[in-house]
Amino acid sequence: MGEGKGMDAKGLLPFARAVKRRFPQFGLVAAGGLGPDTMHLVEPLIKEFPDLSIDAQGKLRPSGSALDPIDWYMAGQYLIKALEMLE
C-alpha cells in the first residue's frame, strides 16, 4: 500500500519470466519504491519486458505515505522519467 520499499528487479526477473512463459497473454506490472528518483530500480525488468506497466504511490508524496496527497510536481517528474525509460 505505497510504503515506498524499493524492489529488487533482478530478483523478480525469474518470477516475471515464469509468469510470461505460463501466461503469455497476461501483462506484467511492477511496483515497489518507484518515484522520480528511483526509476533505476525497475530498469532490469524494463530491459527484458518493454511492455511492462509500472506503478508508483508513496514516492509521489514528500511524506512517503500513500495516505497523503500526491505532490503533482513529483508525479510529473516521475512521468517524464517513466516515458523516457519506456520509449
Protein backbone atom coordinates (compact mmCIF):
# COMPACT_ATOMS: atom_id res chain seq x y z
CA MET A 1 0.00 0.00 0.00
CA GLY A 2 2.55 2.55 -1.08
CA GLU A 3 5.15 2.08 1.63
CA GLY A 4 7.96 3.13 -0.73
CA LYS A 5 10.04 0.00 -0.20
CA GLY A 6 12.39 -0.47 -3.15
CA MET A 7 12.04 -3.51 -5.36
CA ASP A 8 14.77 -5.96 -6.27
CA ALA A 9 14.13 -6.17 -10.03
CA LYS A 10 16.92 -8.67 -10.65
CA GLY A 11 15.42 -10.93 -8.02
CA LEU A 12 11.99 -10.56 -9.63
CA LEU A 13 13.19 -11.49 -13.12
CA PRO A 14 12.81 -15.29 -12.68
CA PHE A 15 9.24 -14.82 -11.46
CA ALA A 16 8.36 -12.42 -14.28
CA ARG A 17 9.81 -14.87 -16.83
CA ALA A 18 7.81 -17.74 -15.33
CA VAL A 19 4.55 -15.76 -15.44
CA LYS A 20 5.14 -14.71 -19.07
CA ARG A 21 6.08 -18.26 -20.06
CA ARG A 22 2.99 -19.78 -18.42
CA PHE A 23 0.56 -16.95 -19.22
CA PRO A 24 1.88 -15.09 -22.29
CA GLN A 25 -1.43 -13.25 -22.67
CA PHE A 26 -1.03 -11.54 -19.29
CA GLY A 27 0.65 -8.18 -18.92
CA LEU A 28 3.17 -7.59 -16.16
CA VAL A 29 3.08 -4.75 -13.65
CA ALA A 30 5.97 -3.74 -11.40
CA ALA A 31 5.72 -1.69 -8.22
CA GLY A 32 7.95 -1.10 -5.27
CA GLY A 33 9.60 2.13 -4.32
CA LEU A 34 9.21 3.75 -7.73
CA GLY A 35 9.28 7.51 -7.95
CA PRO A 36 11.08 10.31 -9.75
CA ASP A 37 14.43 9.49 -8.12
CA THR A 38 14.21 5.69 -8.11
CA MET A 39 13.29 4.68 -11.66
CA HIS A 40 16.61 2.83 -11.92
CA LEU A 41 15.12 0.13 -9.68
CA VAL A 42 12.83 -1.14 -12.46
CA GLU A 43 15.36 -0.93 -15.31
CA PRO A 44 16.31 -4.64 -15.38
CA LEU A 45 12.65 -5.59 -15.81
CA ILE A 46 12.00 -2.99 -18.50
CA LYS A 47 15.01 -4.17 -20.50
CA GLU A 48 13.54 -7.65 -20.73
CA PHE A 49 9.85 -6.69 -20.76
CA PRO A 50 9.49 -3.43 -22.71
CA ASP A 51 5.68 -3.59 -22.42
CA LEU A 52 5.88 -3.62 -18.61
CA SER A 53 3.42 -1.43 -16.72
CA ILE A 54 4.75 0.41 -13.69
CA ASP A 55 3.08 1.76 -10.57
CA ALA A 56 4.08 4.41 -8.05
CA GLN A 57 2.41 5.59 -4.86
CA GLY A 58 4.42 6.52 -1.78
CA LYS A 59 7.36 8.04 -3.66
CA LEU A 60 4.99 10.58 -5.24
CA ARG A 61 4.45 12.21 -1.84
CA PRO A 62 7.05 14.11 0.20
CA SER A 63 6.00 12.22 3.33
CA GLY A 64 6.32 8.84 1.60
CA SER A 65 2.84 7.85 2.81
CA ALA A 66 0.28 6.75 0.22
CA LEU A 67 -2.38 8.22 2.50
CA ASP A 68 -1.14 11.78 1.95
CA PRO A 69 -1.96 13.88 -1.12
CA ILE A 70 0.12 13.42 -4.27
CA ASP A 71 2.75 16.06 -4.98
CA TRP A 72 1.95 16.85 -8.62
CA TYR A 73 5.46 18.14 -9.35
CA MET A 74 6.91 14.81 -8.17
CA ALA A 75 4.28 12.95 -10.20
CA GLY A 76 5.22 14.98 -13.30
CA GLN A 77 8.91 14.19 -12.84
CA TYR A 78 8.05 10.51 -12.41
CA LEU A 79 6.00 10.55 -15.60
CA ILE A 80 8.80 12.22 -17.60
CA LYS A 81 11.37 9.67 -16.40
CA ALA A 82 9.00 6.76 -16.96
CA LEU A 83 8.26 7.85 -20.53
CA GLU A 84 11.98 8.23 -21.25
CA MET A 85 12.70 4.77 -19.88
CA LEU A 86 9.75 3.09 -21.63
CA GLU A 87 10.27 4.53 -25.11
